[in-house]
N, C-alpha and C. Protein backbone atom coordinates (compact mmCIF):
# COMPACT_ATOMS: atom_id res chain seq x y z
N MET A 1 9.99 -13.18 -1.42
CA MET A 1 10.14 -12.12 -2.83
C MET A 1 10.75 -11.10 -2.49
N ASN A 2 11.54 -10.46 -3.43
CA ASN A 2 12.83 -9.50 -3.74
C ASN A 2 12.36 -8.48 -3.44
N LEU A 3 11.97 -7.65 -2.70
CA LEU A 3 11.04 -6.20 -2.77
C LEU A 3 11.82 -4.99 -3.16
N THR A 4 13.31 -5.49 -3.20
CA THR A 4 14.49 -4.62 -3.82
C THR A 4 14.54 -4.11 -4.81
N GLU A 5 13.50 -5.15 -6.20
CA GLU A 5 13.55 -4.62 -7.90
C GLU A 5 12.13 -4.14 -7.80
N LYS A 6 12.12 -2.95 -8.43
CA LYS A 6 10.93 -2.59 -8.56
C LYS A 6 10.38 -3.08 -9.96
N SER A 7 9.01 -3.55 -9.30
CA SER A 7 8.44 -4.38 -10.55
C SER A 7 6.74 -4.08 -10.42
N THR A 8 5.93 -4.56 -11.02
CA THR A 8 4.49 -4.51 -11.22
C THR A 8 4.24 -5.73 -9.97
N GLU A 9 4.72 -6.81 -9.98
CA GLU A 9 4.41 -8.03 -9.56
C GLU A 9 4.71 -7.68 -7.91
N ASN A 10 6.10 -6.82 -7.84
CA ASN A 10 6.18 -6.65 -6.51
C ASN A 10 5.28 -5.40 -5.90
N VAL A 11 4.43 -4.32 -6.63
CA VAL A 11 3.60 -3.50 -6.40
C VAL A 11 2.07 -4.04 -5.65
N VAL A 12 1.97 -5.07 -6.55
CA VAL A 12 0.42 -5.99 -6.34
C VAL A 12 0.68 -6.88 -5.20
N PHE A 13 1.92 -7.45 -4.84
CA PHE A 13 2.21 -7.90 -3.88
C PHE A 13 2.25 -7.20 -2.45
N MET A 14 2.39 -5.88 -2.54
CA MET A 14 2.74 -4.94 -1.19
C MET A 14 1.31 -4.67 -0.93
N ILE A 15 0.63 -4.17 -2.11
CA ILE A 15 -0.57 -3.43 -1.84
C ILE A 15 -1.64 -4.78 -1.51
N GLU A 16 -1.59 -5.59 -1.74
CA GLU A 16 -2.66 -6.82 -1.38
C GLU A 16 -1.81 -7.38 0.26
N GLU A 17 -0.85 -7.58 0.39
CA GLU A 17 -0.57 -7.23 1.99
C GLU A 17 -0.64 -6.43 2.86
N ILE A 18 -0.86 -4.71 2.25
CA ILE A 18 -1.17 -4.01 3.42
C ILE A 18 -2.59 -3.92 3.63
N LYS A 19 -3.31 -4.67 2.26
CA LYS A 19 -5.04 -4.66 2.36
C LYS A 19 -5.26 -5.71 3.57
N GLY A 20 -4.68 -6.86 3.41
CA GLY A 20 -4.81 -7.92 4.29
C GLY A 20 -4.87 -7.69 5.63
N LYS A 21 -3.60 -7.00 6.38
CA LYS A 21 -3.05 -6.69 7.38
C LYS A 21 -4.03 -5.57 8.06
N LEU A 22 -4.31 -4.87 7.07
CA LEU A 22 -5.31 -3.12 7.82
C LEU A 22 -6.74 -4.00 7.50
N LYS A 23 -7.33 -5.15 7.12
CA LYS A 23 -8.30 -5.66 7.08
C LYS A 23 -9.26 -4.40 6.40
N VAL A 24 -8.80 -4.08 4.76
CA VAL A 24 -9.47 -2.82 4.30
C VAL A 24 -10.81 -3.69 3.74
N LEU A 25 -11.98 -2.51 4.28
CA LEU A 25 -13.36 -3.24 4.10
C LEU A 25 -13.72 -2.94 3.21
N ASN A 26 -13.54 -1.84 2.28
CA ASN A 26 -13.55 -1.65 0.72
C ASN A 26 -12.55 -1.96 -0.23
N LEU A 27 -12.30 -3.28 -0.16
CA LEU A 27 -11.45 -3.50 -1.14
C LEU A 27 -11.02 -2.95 -2.47
N GLY A 28 -12.56 -2.52 -3.17
CA GLY A 28 -12.13 -1.48 -4.51
C GLY A 28 -11.52 -0.45 -4.28
N ALA A 29 -11.48 -0.20 -2.77
CA ALA A 29 -11.02 1.35 -2.66
C ALA A 29 -9.36 1.47 -3.07
N ILE A 30 -8.90 0.30 -2.74
CA ILE A 30 -7.14 0.11 -3.10
C ILE A 30 -7.11 -1.02 -3.96
N LYS A 31 -6.20 -0.58 -5.19
CA LYS A 31 -6.15 -1.79 -6.06
C LYS A 31 -4.55 -1.72 -6.39
N PRO A 32 -4.19 -2.74 -6.80
CA PRO A 32 -2.93 -2.46 -7.44
C PRO A 32 -2.31 -1.84 -8.54
N SER A 33 -3.56 -1.78 -9.20
CA SER A 33 -3.44 -0.82 -10.56
C SER A 33 -3.97 0.47 -10.57
N HIS A 34 -3.84 0.90 -9.40
CA HIS A 34 -3.79 2.29 -8.53
C HIS A 34 -2.43 3.19 -8.73
N PHE A 35 -1.46 1.86 -8.67
CA PHE A 35 -0.21 2.51 -8.21
C PHE A 35 0.57 1.87 -9.45
N ASP A 36 1.61 3.12 -9.78
CA ASP A 36 2.69 2.40 -10.37
C ASP A 36 4.25 2.56 -9.83
N GLU A 37 4.88 1.92 -10.48
CA GLU A 37 6.66 2.15 -10.14
C GLU A 37 7.25 3.28 -10.07
N GLU A 38 6.58 4.33 -10.37
CA GLU A 38 7.08 5.68 -10.05
C GLU A 38 7.11 6.03 -8.15
N MET A 39 6.17 5.36 -7.60
CA MET A 39 5.99 5.58 -6.12
C MET A 39 6.16 4.49 -5.26
N TYR A 40 7.30 3.41 -5.85
CA TYR A 40 7.91 2.50 -5.29
C TYR A 40 7.97 2.69 -4.19
N GLU A 41 9.26 3.33 -4.23
CA GLU A 41 9.97 3.62 -2.51
C GLU A 41 8.95 4.03 -1.62
N GLU A 42 8.24 5.03 -1.63
CA GLU A 42 7.10 5.44 -0.50
C GLU A 42 5.72 4.50 -0.76
N LEU A 43 5.39 3.29 -1.62
CA LEU A 43 4.90 2.00 -1.09
C LEU A 43 5.86 1.24 -0.38
N LYS A 44 6.59 1.32 -0.60
CA LYS A 44 7.38 -0.18 0.49
C LYS A 44 7.77 0.55 1.40
N ASP A 45 8.14 1.63 1.52
CA ASP A 45 8.34 2.09 3.12
C ASP A 45 6.84 1.79 3.98
N ILE A 46 5.65 2.15 3.05
CA ILE A 46 4.42 2.22 3.81
C ILE A 46 4.37 0.45 4.05
N TYR A 47 4.59 -0.23 2.95
CA TYR A 47 4.56 -1.92 3.44
C TYR A 47 5.17 -2.00 4.66
N GLU A 48 6.39 -1.68 4.41
CA GLU A 48 7.11 -2.10 5.76
C GLU A 48 6.74 -1.72 7.17
N LEU A 49 6.38 -0.60 7.15
CA LEU A 49 5.51 0.15 8.56
C LEU A 49 4.91 -1.05 8.63
N VAL A 50 3.76 -1.16 8.00
CA VAL A 50 2.83 -1.91 8.30
C VAL A 50 2.78 -3.35 8.85
N MET A 51 3.73 -4.14 7.87
CA MET A 51 4.29 -5.38 8.37
C MET A 51 5.13 -5.63 9.87
N ARG A 52 5.48 -3.99 10.14
CA ARG A 52 6.05 -3.89 11.74
C ARG A 52 5.04 -4.14 12.60
N LYS A 53 4.41 -3.53 12.43
CA LYS A 53 3.42 -3.15 13.46
C LYS A 53 2.27 -4.80 14.15
N PRO A 54 2.04 -4.58 14.96
CA PRO A 54 1.10 -5.62 14.97
C PRO A 54 -0.59 -5.47 15.22
N SER A 55 -0.51 -4.12 14.79
CA SER A 55 -2.05 -3.50 15.34
C SER A 55 -2.11 -2.21 15.06
N PHE A 56 -3.07 -1.93 14.86
CA PHE A 56 -3.42 -0.30 14.29
C PHE A 56 -4.33 0.39 15.07
N SER A 57 -4.04 1.62 15.91
CA SER A 57 -5.02 2.44 15.64
C SER A 57 -6.35 2.56 14.42
N PRO A 58 -7.56 3.33 15.00
CA PRO A 58 -8.55 3.52 13.75
C PRO A 58 -7.74 4.88 13.05
N ASN A 59 -7.23 6.20 13.95
CA ASN A 59 -6.51 7.08 13.39
C ASN A 59 -5.28 6.66 12.45
N GLU A 60 -4.52 5.66 12.84
CA GLU A 60 -3.22 5.28 12.09
C GLU A 60 -4.11 4.55 10.55
N MET A 61 -4.92 3.40 10.65
CA MET A 61 -5.63 3.41 9.50
C MET A 61 -5.72 3.84 8.89
N GLN A 62 -6.90 5.32 9.43
CA GLN A 62 -7.37 6.55 8.38
C GLN A 62 -6.22 7.11 7.83
N GLY A 63 -4.64 7.01 8.79
CA GLY A 63 -3.96 8.01 8.11
C GLY A 63 -2.86 7.06 7.11
N LEU A 64 -3.05 5.76 7.41
CA LEU A 64 -2.05 4.78 6.03
C LEU A 64 -2.80 4.79 5.28
N VAL A 65 -4.37 4.61 4.93
CA VAL A 65 -4.98 4.77 3.83
C VAL A 65 -5.27 6.16 2.97
N GLU A 66 -5.31 7.05 3.91
CA GLU A 66 -4.93 8.41 3.26
C GLU A 66 -3.76 8.73 2.52
N GLU A 67 -2.36 7.98 3.40
CA GLU A 67 -1.13 7.98 2.24
C GLU A 67 -1.21 7.44 0.99
N LEU A 68 -1.72 6.33 1.05
CA LEU A 68 -1.99 5.43 -0.06
C LEU A 68 -2.77 6.30 -1.04
N GLY A 69 -3.73 6.86 -0.81
CA GLY A 69 -4.78 7.85 -1.50
C GLY A 69 -3.58 8.52 -2.27
N ASN A 70 -2.63 9.28 -1.74
CA ASN A 70 -1.65 10.68 -1.93
C ASN A 70 -0.69 9.91 -3.01
N LEU A 71 -0.50 8.62 -2.84
CA LEU A 71 0.31 7.83 -3.48
C LEU A 71 -0.32 7.07 -5.20
N ARG A 72 -1.51 7.22 -4.98
CA ARG A 72 -2.26 6.45 -6.58
C ARG A 72 -1.51 7.16 -7.66
N LYS A 73 -1.69 6.96 -8.74
CA LYS A 73 -1.74 7.18 -10.13
C LYS A 73 -2.69 8.50 -10.50
N ASN A 74 -2.03 9.42 -11.12
CA ASN A 74 -3.06 10.82 -11.39
C ASN A 74 -4.15 10.24 -12.19
N LYS A 75 -5.39 10.22 -12.29
CA LYS A 75 -6.36 10.23 -13.17
C LYS A 75 -6.84 11.08 -14.17
N ASP A 76 -5.88 11.10 -15.11
CA ASP A 76 -6.31 12.00 -16.32
C ASP A 76 -7.24 11.52 -17.17
């Protein structure tokens, strides 16, 4: 997968990988449709961080989920 290209498919891939790695219990809380390509670079940074680390403390997980929440599309 070439994550250097901004695409909806890459957003979906990264979100699904992040959810799997963090073992997000409320899967409805983080959906690929909540994100768009406007925040692609920030999402990619989070993805790369999550994929590098073997495990996360509860505080780290909370921080990552909060950061993903900050990247969500506005609900106008």
